[in-house]
Amino acid sequence: MNLVFVEVDLGREWGLASAGPAMLAPILRSHGHAVELIEAAREVPARDFATEFTNRQVHVLLMSLTTDQWPRALELVRAIKEQLPHLPC
């Protein structure tokens, strides 16, 4: 299964939310899954970011967030679901 974690960039130099994917990725890989981390840069419009997934074979899209990342994450997920309604997010 191809799993993609999305890192929601808010322009900070530190990121606690990426600690979860960093810990889970090796475990998922040891069970035969392909795992990738993609950064959603804050300057990139959500619809443009969503096109990142149109040519990829992604089975599940995952996000690890802190509270202040939630509004941007919701914007990204809505844009992705609009273009790829079958993709579990």
Protein backbone atom coordinates (compact mmCIF):
# COMPACT_ATOMS: atom_id res chain seq x y z
CA MET A 1 0.00 0.00 0.00
CA ASN A 2 1.28 3.50 -0.85
CA LEU A 3 0.88 5.91 2.06
CA VAL A 4 1.63 9.63 1.89
CA PHE A 5 1.99 11.85 4.94
CA VAL A 6 1.42 15.55 4.30
CA GLU A 7 3.43 18.04 6.32
CA VAL A 8 1.46 21.28 6.63
CA ASP A 9 4.00 24.11 6.51
CA LEU A 10 3.10 27.24 8.44
CA GLY A 11 6.48 28.89 8.03
CA ARG A 12 8.03 27.90 11.35
CA GLU A 13 11.50 26.54 11.77
CA TRP A 14 10.32 23.75 14.06
CA GLY A 15 7.60 21.19 13.51
CA LEU A 16 6.26 18.90 16.18
CA ALA A 17 3.58 17.37 13.95
CA SER A 18 6.20 15.67 11.76
CA ALA A 19 7.46 13.62 14.72
CA GLY A 20 4.51 11.22 14.41
CA PRO A 21 5.10 10.34 10.75
CA ALA A 22 8.84 10.04 11.43
CA MET A 23 8.11 7.40 14.09
CA LEU A 24 5.41 5.57 12.14
CA ALA A 25 7.16 5.42 8.75
CA PRO A 26 9.76 2.75 9.68
CA ILE A 27 7.09 0.57 11.26
CA LEU A 28 4.83 0.86 8.22
CA ARG A 29 7.75 0.13 5.89
CA SER A 30 8.66 -2.97 7.91
CA HIS A 31 5.17 -4.24 7.14
CA GLY A 32 5.68 -3.77 3.40
CA HIS A 33 4.09 -0.36 2.85
CA ALA A 34 5.64 2.43 0.80
CA VAL A 35 5.70 5.64 2.85
CA GLU A 36 6.42 9.16 1.67
CA LEU A 37 6.38 12.59 3.33
CA ILE A 38 5.36 15.59 1.22
CA GLU A 39 5.49 19.18 2.40
CA ALA A 40 2.54 21.44 1.63
CA ALA A 41 4.26 24.81 1.40
CA ARG A 42 2.16 27.67 2.68
CA GLU A 43 2.76 29.72 -0.51
CA VAL A 44 1.23 27.02 -2.73
CA PRO A 45 -2.53 27.31 -3.28
CA ALA A 46 -4.47 24.26 -2.08
CA ARG A 47 -5.74 23.41 -5.58
CA ASP A 48 -2.20 23.49 -6.96
CA PHE A 49 -1.01 21.23 -4.16
CA ALA A 50 -3.88 18.81 -4.83
CA THR A 51 -2.62 18.25 -8.39
CA GLU A 52 0.47 16.68 -6.80
CA PHE A 53 -1.62 13.53 -6.30
CA THR A 54 -3.27 13.18 -9.72
CA ASN A 55 -0.31 11.29 -11.24
CA ARG A 56 0.64 9.29 -8.15
CA GLN A 57 -0.67 5.96 -7.05
CA VAL A 58 -1.62 6.91 -3.48
CA HIS A 59 -3.82 4.58 -1.45
CA VAL A 60 -4.09 6.62 1.76
CA LEU A 61 -3.29 10.25 2.54
CA LEU A 62 -2.33 11.00 6.14
CA MET A 63 -1.76 14.19 8.11
CA SER A 64 -0.29 14.75 11.53
CA LEU A 65 -1.27 18.17 12.84
CA THR A 66 -1.03 20.60 15.67
CA THR A 67 -4.01 22.80 16.47
CA ASP A 68 -2.90 25.82 14.49
CA GLN A 69 -2.28 23.71 11.36
CA TRP A 70 -5.90 22.57 11.22
CA PRO A 71 -7.36 25.40 9.05
CA ARG A 72 -4.72 24.95 6.32
CA ALA A 73 -5.04 21.15 6.49
CA LEU A 74 -8.80 21.38 6.01
CA GLU A 75 -8.28 23.61 2.98
CA LEU A 76 -5.82 21.07 1.51
CA VAL A 77 -8.04 18.05 2.15
CA ARG A 78 -11.05 19.75 0.57
CA ALA A 79 -9.03 20.56 -2.56
CA ILE A 80 -7.66 17.02 -2.75
CA LYS A 81 -11.10 15.43 -2.28
CA GLU A 82 -12.49 17.71 -4.99
CA GLN A 83 -9.96 16.38 -7.49
CA LEU A 84 -9.69 12.81 -6.16
CA PRO A 85 -12.93 11.88 -4.37
CA HIS A 86 -11.90 8.21 -4.13
CA LEU A 87 -8.73 8.91 -2.11
CA PRO A 88 -9.08 8.20 1.62
CA CYS A 89 -7.88 11.23 3.61
